[in-house]
């Protein structure tokens, strides 16, 4: 048992009270999916990942969990931290879900990111008396998530909290550590998440969006919370969120590698190669926004003046993630997600062919980045960033689906491809 557990839930008088709590049952009891699901005949066709599907292969041990899309990974937040999303409305009734497997699947997702700073977002709407997990499951879940998982979680955002969840947390207060308790944040409206993460990358369930709209509609006009900030037109010198082709056209020397990549990588080569956990830490969001604004305003940015290695690392990841199309391009999404089917003998040839098919500015930028990451990996005994660790960090920033969010079925293959790219970079970029 974790040392942070101070009492046994099974003996806590509050446990009995929790069983008396009632949840409001939502009108829709048939649990329709937010997106069309695959028929059985479709899922039985292949043992490999289907790049167009969020599901694992039908014979995978966690297939019956993954197919519900309860847990997803949604890139990085505004602080440079990985975002894990848990949607209660996608949980089927209790008798249709193995909650122990759900817990193991959640741990499997977090295991890829707990060595880095990360954020959890929990959409509470849709948790009812029919699909809520038992109190013993909650107790086991807290025991399973030991210090390894709690150390680097920087925030837990509970969206659309009800009196039930607030009461639950109040009754659990004796067993929740003070440090962890300070990381819990209530979010009443989706628009409030914009301060944390870009909502369009979250794949928010349709039912959650509809519920948020109902909440807004029920308020008096004077009490209306602000809507999500409309996207402003790009500045004349906009750098973040602009295509590589346009950035190349604007470059005074028509350099195919964007200035943000050149600035951050030059600084990190000089000051970051021996920093333990480089790329795993977040940065001050005010500084991140300030640096982005300076770049977008056409100003020169000198990271040596700021002397913050983690800030430069976050800016590099943020730049890659905010590209309108990923560095590896949407065109090769299917090839990369299905890369596991390529034999070991052919992997270098396949990767080399693929990257050489990229637009010139994408190829140059990828080569520039991977050459740098090879230097980081050479110092892995000091910085602890092996090719495997770098692949976990950069894989989701090099490629994502058109809908932005990714389940484990996509993340695993993308990270494996990135690992192979880093392992064989000396052969690929020759």
Protein backbone atom coordinates (compact mmCIF):
# COMPACT_ATOMS: atom_id res chain seq x y z
CA UNK A 1 0.00 0.00 0.00
CA UNK A 2 1.18 3.48 -0.77
CA UNK A 3 2.60 5.35 2.18
CA UNK A 4 0.24 8.20 1.35
CA UNK A 5 -2.81 6.11 2.28
CA UNK A 6 -3.71 7.02 5.83
CA UNK A 7 -6.89 5.00 6.33
CA UNK A 8 -8.50 1.88 4.88
CA UNK A 9 -11.53 2.75 2.80
CA UNK A 10 -13.15 -0.51 3.74
CA UNK A 11 -13.19 0.56 7.41
CA UNK A 12 -13.95 4.24 6.83
CA UNK A 13 -17.47 5.14 8.06
CA UNK A 14 -17.69 7.54 5.15
CA UNK A 15 -17.69 4.58 2.77
CA UNK A 16 -21.18 3.62 3.82
CA UNK A 17 -22.35 7.17 3.16
CA UNK A 18 -20.93 7.06 -0.35
CA UNK A 19 -23.13 4.11 -1.20
CA UNK A 20 -26.15 6.25 -0.44
CA UNK A 21 -25.20 8.96 -2.92
CA UNK A 22 -27.44 9.08 -5.96
CA UNK A 23 -26.47 10.14 -9.42
CA UNK A 24 -28.72 11.89 -11.87
CA UNK A 25 -29.44 9.48 -14.70
CA UNK A 26 -29.11 11.06 -18.09
CA UNK A 27 -31.95 10.67 -20.56
CA UNK A 28 -30.00 8.58 -23.04
CA UNK A 29 -29.70 5.09 -21.59
CA UNK A 30 -28.65 3.30 -24.79
CA UNK A 31 -25.11 4.67 -24.75
CA UNK A 32 -24.81 5.42 -28.46
CA UNK A 33 -21.26 6.02 -29.64
CA UNK A 34 -20.15 9.51 -30.57
CA UNK A 35 -18.67 8.16 -33.78
CA UNK A 36 -19.72 5.18 -35.92
CA UNK A 37 -18.30 1.97 -34.50
CA UNK A 38 -16.88 -0.94 -36.46
CA UNK A 39 -19.06 -3.97 -37.08
CA UNK A 40 -17.81 -7.35 -35.94
CA UNK A 41 -17.08 -8.41 -39.49
CA UNK A 42 -14.91 -5.34 -39.93
CA UNK A 43 -12.94 -5.88 -36.75
CA UNK A 44 -12.33 -9.56 -37.57
CA UNK A 45 -10.66 -8.83 -40.89
CA UNK A 46 -7.15 -8.02 -39.72
CA UNK A 47 -4.84 -8.59 -36.80
CA UNK A 48 -3.08 -5.28 -37.45
CA UNK A 49 -3.96 -1.78 -36.35
CA UNK A 50 -6.45 -0.02 -38.54
CA UNK A 51 -5.15 3.53 -38.92
CA UNK A 52 -8.67 4.79 -39.48
CA UNK A 53 -9.93 3.28 -36.25
CA UNK A 54 -9.25 4.22 -32.63
CA UNK A 55 -9.51 0.55 -31.65
CA UNK A 56 -6.91 -2.08 -30.87
CA UNK A 57 -6.98 -5.38 -32.83
CA UNK A 58 -9.97 -7.52 -31.88
CA UNK A 59 -7.75 -10.17 -30.25
CA UNK A 60 -5.72 -7.68 -28.19
CA UNK A 61 -6.11 -8.21 -24.40
CA UNK A 62 -7.43 -4.66 -24.00
CA UNK A 63 -9.57 -4.52 -27.12
CA UNK A 64 -12.83 -4.56 -25.15
CA UNK A 65 -11.61 -1.53 -23.16
CA UNK A 66 -10.00 0.49 -25.95
CA UNK A 67 -13.01 0.28 -28.26
CA UNK A 68 -15.03 2.52 -25.94
CA UNK A 69 -12.47 5.37 -26.26
CA UNK A 70 -12.80 6.15 -22.56
CA UNK A 71 -9.11 7.08 -22.32
CA UNK A 72 -7.27 9.14 -24.91
CA UNK A 73 -4.03 11.06 -25.23
CA UNK A 74 -4.41 14.56 -26.67
CA UNK A 75 -0.97 15.98 -27.31
CA UNK A 76 0.53 18.65 -25.06
CA UNK A 77 -1.20 21.37 -23.07
CA UNK A 78 -0.23 25.04 -22.99
CA UNK A 79 2.46 24.24 -20.43
CA UNK A 80 4.20 21.59 -22.55
CA UNK A 81 2.72 18.67 -20.59
CA UNK A 82 1.13 15.55 -22.06
CA UNK A 83 -2.67 15.49 -21.73
CA UNK A 84 -4.56 12.31 -20.77
CA UNK A 85 -8.34 12.51 -21.16
CA UNK A 86 -10.90 10.30 -19.35
CA UNK A 87 -14.53 10.56 -20.51
CA UNK A 88 -17.11 9.13 -18.08
CA UNK A 89 -19.93 9.31 -20.63
CA UNK A 90 -18.18 6.69 -22.74
CA UNK A 91 -18.24 4.12 -19.95
CA UNK A 92 -20.90 1.49 -20.67
CA UNK A 93 -23.09 0.01 -17.90
CA UNK A 94 -21.19 -1.81 -15.17
CA UNK A 95 -22.00 -5.32 -16.42
CA UNK A 96 -20.54 -4.51 -19.83
CA UNK A 97 -17.15 -3.27 -18.62
CA UNK A 98 -14.32 -5.03 -16.82
CA UNK A 99 -13.28 -2.28 -14.42
CA UNK A 100 -10.08 -4.08 -13.43
CA UNK A 101 -9.03 -4.11 -17.08
CA UNK A 102 -10.00 -0.46 -17.33
CA UNK A 103 -7.65 0.31 -14.46
CA UNK A 104 -4.83 -1.66 -16.07
CA UNK A 105 -5.45 0.09 -19.39
CA UNK A 106 -5.28 3.48 -17.67
CA UNK A 107 -2.03 2.49 -16.00
CA UNK A 108 -0.67 1.28 -19.32
CA UNK A 109 -1.44 4.66 -20.84
CA UNK A 110 0.10 6.60 -17.97
CA UNK A 111 3.17 4.36 -17.84
CA UNK A 112 4.31 5.93 -21.10
CA UNK A 113 4.24 9.44 -19.63
CA UNK A 114 4.66 9.34 -15.84
CA UNK A 115 8.37 10.09 -16.12
CA UNK A 116 7.36 13.42 -17.66
CA UNK A 117 5.08 16.17 -16.40
CA UNK A 118 1.50 15.42 -17.44
CA UNK A 119 -2.09 16.62 -17.03
CA UNK A 120 -5.31 14.65 -16.50
CA UNK A 121 -8.65 15.94 -17.76
CA UNK A 122 -11.75 14.11 -16.51
CA UNK A 123 -15.10 14.74 -18.19
CA UNK A 124 -17.53 13.84 -15.41
CA UNK A 125 -20.78 14.27 -17.31
CA UNK A 126 -22.39 10.93 -18.15
CA UNK A 127 -21.38 9.10 -14.96
CA UNK A 128 -24.65 7.58 -13.72
CA UNK A 129 -25.87 4.99 -11.26
CA UNK A 130 -25.68 2.47 -14.11
CA UNK A 131 -22.06 2.91 -15.11
CA UNK A 132 -20.28 4.27 -12.04
CA UNK A 133 -17.50 2.00 -10.70
CA UNK A 134 -17.77 0.51 -7.24
CA UNK A 135 -16.18 2.06 -4.18
CA UNK A 136 -13.84 -0.91 -3.89
CA UNK A 137 -12.63 -0.13 -7.42
CA UNK A 138 -11.95 3.48 -6.42
CA UNK A 139 -10.06 2.25 -3.39
CA UNK A 140 -7.99 -0.16 -5.50
CA UNK A 141 -7.36 2.55 -8.08
CA UNK A 142 -5.90 4.90 -5.48
CA UNK A 143 -3.73 2.10 -4.13
CA UNK A 144 -2.51 1.17 -7.62
CA UNK A 145 -1.46 4.73 -8.41
CA UNK A 146 1.56 4.98 -6.21
CA UNK A 147 4.09 7.81 -6.01
CA UNK A 148 5.40 7.05 -9.49
CA UNK A 149 2.11 8.24 -10.97
CA UNK A 150 1.44 11.08 -8.55
CA UNK A 151 4.86 12.71 -8.61
CA UNK A 152 4.69 14.25 -12.09
CA UNK A 153 0.96 14.80 -12.49
CA UNK A 154 0.77 18.58 -12.41
CA UNK A 155 -3.00 19.02 -12.54
CA UNK A 156 -6.26 17.07 -12.54
CA UNK A 157 -9.12 19.01 -14.15
CA UNK A 158 -12.62 17.77 -13.32
CA UNK A 159 -14.96 19.16 -15.95
CA UNK A 160 -18.66 19.72 -15.12
CA UNK A 161 -18.36 18.60 -11.49
CA UNK A 162 -21.57 17.68 -9.69
CA UNK A 163 -22.43 17.63 -6.01
CA UNK A 164 -21.74 13.89 -6.15
CA UNK A 165 -18.12 14.25 -7.22
CA UNK A 166 -17.51 17.10 -4.80
CA UNK A 167 -18.98 15.07 -1.95
CA UNK A 168 -16.97 12.05 -3.01
CA UNK A 169 -13.72 14.01 -2.91
CA UNK A 170 -14.67 15.54 0.43
CA UNK A 171 -15.25 12.09 1.94
CA UNK A 172 -12.02 10.80 0.40
CA UNK A 173 -10.09 13.75 1.79
CA UNK A 174 -8.57 11.74 4.68
CA UNK A 175 -6.76 9.43 2.24
CA UNK A 176 -5.77 11.99 -0.39
CA UNK A 177 -2.39 13.54 0.21
CA UNK A 178 -2.23 17.30 0.66
CA UNK A 179 0.03 17.70 -2.39
CA UNK A 180 -2.29 15.72 -4.62
CA UNK A 181 -5.33 17.56 -3.31
CA UNK A 182 -3.84 20.88 -4.41
CA UNK A 183 -3.63 19.59 -7.98
CA UNK A 184 -7.40 19.06 -8.30
CA UNK A 185 -9.23 21.80 -10.21
CA UNK A 186 -12.96 22.12 -10.94
CA UNK A 187 -13.92 23.35 -14.41
CA UNK A 188 -17.54 24.44 -14.81
CA UNK A 189 -17.53 25.20 -18.55
CA UNK A 190 -15.52 23.93 -21.49
CA UNK A 191 -14.37 27.43 -22.35
CA UNK A 192 -12.41 27.52 -19.10
CA UNK A 193 -10.18 24.74 -20.43
CA UNK A 194 -8.77 27.09 -23.05
CA UNK A 195 -6.37 28.44 -20.43
CA UNK A 196 -4.96 24.93 -20.15
CA UNK A 197 -5.22 23.29 -23.57
CA UNK A 198 -6.66 23.93 -27.01
CA UNK A 199 -10.10 22.33 -26.83
CA UNK A 200 -10.14 21.36 -30.50
CA UNK A 201 -7.39 18.83 -29.83
CA UNK A 202 -9.35 17.05 -27.08
CA UNK A 203 -12.03 15.27 -29.14
CA UNK A 204 -14.62 16.21 -26.54
CA UNK A 205 -17.57 13.76 -26.63
CA UNK A 206 -20.67 15.13 -28.35
CA UNK A 207 -22.78 14.56 -25.24
CA UNK A 208 -20.39 16.62 -23.16
CA UNK A 209 -20.56 19.51 -25.64
CA UNK A 210 -24.36 19.36 -25.68
CA UNK A 211 -24.47 19.35 -21.89
CA UNK A 212 -22.13 22.34 -21.77
CA UNK A 213 -24.45 24.20 -24.16
CA UNK A 214 -27.45 23.39 -21.94
CA UNK A 215 -25.63 24.73 -18.90
CA UNK A 216 -24.90 27.96 -20.74
CA UNK A 217 -28.46 28.27 -21.99
CA UNK A 218 -29.83 27.91 -18.46
CA UNK A 219 -27.90 30.96 -17.25
CA UNK A 220 -29.11 34.52 -17.35
CA UNK A 221 -27.45 36.58 -20.09
CA UNK A 222 -25.56 38.61 -17.50
CA UNK A 223 -24.13 35.45 -15.95
CA UNK A 224 -22.99 33.85 -19.20
CA UNK A 225 -19.36 32.62 -19.00
CA UNK A 226 -17.11 33.69 -21.85
CA UNK A 227 -17.21 31.52 -24.94
CA UNK A 228 -14.04 29.95 -26.25
CA UNK A 229 -11.76 32.62 -27.57
CA UNK A 230 -12.18 32.99 -31.32
CA UNK A 231 -9.04 32.31 -33.30
CA UNK A 232 -7.46 35.60 -34.23
CA UNK A 233 -6.15 36.20 -37.75
CA UNK A 234 -2.44 35.44 -38.13
CA UNK A 235 -0.02 38.28 -37.48
CA UNK A 236 2.09 39.48 -40.42
CA UNK A 237 5.12 37.72 -38.94
CA UNK A 238 3.21 34.75 -37.47
CA UNK A 239 5.48 31.77 -36.80
CA UNK A 240 3.49 29.38 -34.62
CA UNK A 241 0.61 27.62 -36.35
CA UNK A 242 1.93 28.49 -39.81
CA UNK A 243 2.87 25.94 -42.49
CA UNK A 244 6.51 25.11 -43.10
CA UNK A 245 6.14 26.09 -46.75
CA UNK A 246 4.99 29.61 -45.82
CA UNK A 247 7.73 30.00 -43.20
CA UNK A 248 10.29 29.05 -45.82
CA UNK A 249 8.95 31.68 -48.22
CA UNK A 250 9.21 34.33 -45.51
CA UNK A 251 12.73 33.37 -44.47
CA UNK A 252 15.30 35.97 -45.64
CA UNK A 253 17.57 33.20 -46.90
CA UNK A 254 14.67 30.85 -47.82
CA UNK A 255 15.97 28.44 -45.16
CA UNK A 256 13.77 25.30 -45.10
CA UNK A 257 14.35 24.87 -41.34
CA UNK A 258 12.18 27.33 -39.37
CA UNK A 259 13.90 29.89 -37.15
CA UNK A 260 12.22 28.53 -34.00
CA UNK A 261 13.79 25.12 -34.56
CA UNK A 262 17.18 26.63 -35.31
CA UNK A 263 17.10 28.88 -32.23
CA UNK A 264 15.92 26.28 -29.74
CA UNK A 265 18.12 23.47 -31.01
CA UNK A 266 21.23 25.68 -31.13
CA UNK A 267 20.63 26.69 -27.49
CA UNK A 268 19.87 23.13 -26.36
CA UNK A 269 22.96 21.76 -28.09
CA UNK A 270 25.02 24.22 -26.08
CA UNK A 271 23.26 24.04 -22.73
CA UNK A 272 20.82 21.12 -22.61
CA UNK A 273 22.60 17.90 -23.56
CA UNK A 274 23.53 17.05 -19.97
CA UNK A 275 20.30 18.17 -18.30
CA UNK A 276 18.57 15.17 -16.74
CA UNK A 277 15.02 14.75 -17.99
CA UNK A 278 15.35 17.28 -20.78
CA UNK A 279 12.01 17.41 -22.68
CA UNK A 280 10.20 15.87 -19.70
CA UNK A 281 9.62 19.01 -17.70
CA UNK A 282 7.07 21.74 -18.28
CA UNK A 283 7.76 25.48 -18.35
CA UNK A 284 6.18 28.64 -16.99
CA UNK A 285 3.15 29.24 -19.22
CA UNK A 286 3.58 33.04 -19.06
CA UNK A 287 7.12 32.74 -20.39
CA UNK A 288 5.99 30.30 -23.09
CA UNK A 289 3.29 32.71 -24.28
CA UNK A 290 5.72 35.64 -24.14
CA UNK A 291 8.27 33.82 -26.32
CA UNK A 292 5.56 32.82 -28.78
CA UNK A 293 4.34 36.41 -28.99
CA UNK A 294 7.84 37.68 -29.61
CA UNK A 295 8.35 35.22 -32.45
CA UNK A 296 4.91 36.01 -33.91
CA UNK A 297 5.70 39.71 -33.74
CA UNK A 298 8.87 39.28 -35.73
CA UNK A 299 11.15 40.00 -32.78
CA UNK A 300 14.45 38.20 -32.22
CA UNK A 301 14.47 35.67 -29.37
CA UNK A 302 17.68 34.97 -27.49
CA UNK A 303 17.36 31.95 -25.20
CA UNK A 304 20.80 32.62 -23.75
CA UNK A 305 19.38 35.73 -22.09
CA UNK A 306 16.65 33.65 -20.42
CA UNK A 307 18.95 30.79 -19.41
CA UNK A 308 16.03 28.35 -19.18
CA UNK A 309 16.68 24.99 -20.84
CA UNK A 310 13.19 23.66 -20.17
CA UNK A 311 11.62 26.76 -21.72
CA UNK A 312 13.53 26.20 -24.96
CA UNK A 313 12.58 22.50 -24.92
CA UNK A 314 8.88 23.32 -24.47
CA UNK A 315 9.00 25.96 -27.22
CA UNK A 316 10.46 23.39 -29.63
CA UNK A 317 7.74 20.84 -28.83
CA UNK A 318 5.03 23.50 -28.94
CA UNK A 319 6.17 24.71 -32.35
CA UNK A 320 6.02 21.18 -33.76
CA UNK A 321 2.64 20.47 -32.20
CA UNK A 322 1.09 23.71 -33.46
CA UNK A 323 2.01 23.12 -37.09
CA UNK A 324 -1.21 23.01 -39.15
CA UNK A 325 0.04 19.70 -40.54
CA UNK A 326 2.47 17.46 -38.66
CA UNK A 327 6.09 17.26 -39.70
CA UNK A 328 5.52 13.71 -41.01
CA UNK A 329 2.34 14.92 -42.82
CA UNK A 330 -1.12 13.39 -42.82
CA UNK A 331 -0.30 11.61 -46.07
CA UNK A 332 1.90 9.07 -44.29
CA UNK A 333 -0.29 8.53 -41.23
CA UNK A 334 -1.53 5.11 -42.36
CA UNK A 335 1.96 3.95 -43.36
CA UNK A 336 3.41 4.90 -39.99
CA UNK A 337 0.59 3.50 -37.86
CA UNK A 338 0.91 0.20 -39.76
CA UNK A 339 4.71 0.24 -39.62
CA UNK A 340 4.72 -2.74 -37.26
CA UNK A 341 3.88 -4.98 -40.22
CA UNK A 342 7.20 -4.13 -41.89
CA UNK A 343 9.90 -6.75 -41.36
CA UNK A 344 13.06 -5.74 -39.52
CA UNK A 345 15.15 -6.28 -42.65
CA UNK A 346 13.07 -3.77 -44.62
CA UNK A 347 12.52 -1.09 -42.01
CA UNK A 348 15.42 1.17 -42.98
CA UNK A 349 14.46 1.05 -46.66
CA UNK A 350 10.81 1.81 -45.89
CA UNK A 351 11.62 4.71 -43.56
CA UNK A 352 14.19 6.14 -45.97
CA UNK A 353 11.71 5.99 -48.85
CA UNK A 354 9.02 7.58 -46.73
CA UNK A 355 11.03 10.51 -45.39
CA UNK A 356 12.53 11.23 -48.79
CA UNK A 357 8.98 11.56 -50.11
CA UNK A 358 8.28 14.42 -47.71
CA UNK A 359 8.15 18.02 -48.98
CA UNK A 360 11.65 19.53 -49.02
CA UNK A 361 11.09 21.78 -45.98
CA UNK A 362 9.62 18.87 -43.99
CA UNK A 363 12.54 16.62 -44.88
CA UNK A 364 15.11 19.29 -43.98
CA UNK A 365 13.39 20.09 -40.68
CA UNK A 366 13.04 16.42 -39.76
CA UNK A 367 16.68 15.74 -40.53
CA UNK A 368 17.73 18.78 -38.49
CA UNK A 369 15.63 17.62 -35.54
CA UNK A 370 16.64 13.96 -35.65
CA UNK A 371 20.34 14.82 -35.96
CA UNK A 372 19.97 16.90 -32.80
CA UNK A 373 18.05 14.17 -30.97
CA UNK A 374 20.84 11.75 -31.82
CA UNK A 375 23.18 14.05 -29.90
CA UNK A 376 20.77 14.06 -26.97
CA UNK A 377 20.68 10.27 -26.99
CA UNK A 378 24.48 10.02 -27.04
CA UNK A 379 24.40 11.71 -23.63
CA UNK A 380 21.59 9.50 -22.28
CA UNK A 381 23.70 8.19 -19.39
CA UNK A 382 23.56 11.71 -18.01
CA UNK A 383 20.28 13.14 -19.33
CA UNK A 384 18.35 9.81 -19.15
CA UNK A 385 16.86 10.44 -22.59
CA UNK A 386 17.42 7.28 -24.63
CA UNK A 387 15.99 6.87 -28.12
CA UNK A 388 13.05 5.06 -26.56
CA UNK A 389 12.34 7.94 -24.17
CA UNK A 390 12.78 10.52 -26.92
CA UNK A 391 10.34 8.60 -29.11
CA UNK A 392 7.68 8.76 -26.40
CA UNK A 393 8.16 12.53 -26.13
CA UNK A 394 8.45 13.39 -29.82
CA UNK A 395 6.35 10.71 -31.51
CA UNK A 396 3.02 12.48 -30.86
CA UNK A 397 4.62 15.80 -31.88
CA UNK A 398 5.81 14.45 -35.24
CA UNK A 399 2.54 12.85 -36.32
CA UNK A 400 -1.11 12.89 -35.32
CA UNK A 401 -4.41 12.12 -36.97
CA UNK A 402 -6.59 14.76 -38.53
CA UNK A 403 -8.76 14.69 -35.40
CA UNK A 404 -5.68 15.44 -33.21
CA UNK A 405 -6.39 13.01 -30.36
CA UNK A 406 -4.86 9.52 -30.27
CA UNK A 407 -5.61 6.29 -28.47
CA UNK A 408 -3.01 3.69 -27.54
CA UNK A 409 -3.63 1.92 -30.84
CA UNK A 410 -2.06 4.88 -32.68
CA UNK A 411 0.44 6.06 -30.07
CA UNK A 412 2.26 2.74 -29.83
CA UNK A 413 2.99 2.42 -33.57
CA UNK A 414 3.89 6.11 -33.91
CA UNK A 415 6.33 5.90 -31.01
CA UNK A 416 7.81 2.65 -32.39
CA UNK A 417 8.30 4.27 -35.79
CA UNK A 418 9.97 7.27 -34.15
CA UNK A 419 12.24 4.95 -32.18
CA UNK A 420 13.26 3.16 -35.40
CA UNK A 421 13.85 6.53 -37.08
CA UNK A 422 16.18 7.58 -34.25
CA UNK A 423 17.94 4.21 -34.09
CA UNK A 424 18.67 4.16 -37.80
CA UNK A 425 19.08 7.88 -38.49
CA UNK A 426 22.70 7.42 -39.61
CA UNK A 427 21.45 5.16 -42.44
CA UNK A 428 18.25 7.02 -43.25
CA UNK A 429 19.72 10.48 -43.74
CA UNK A 430 22.65 9.52 -45.95
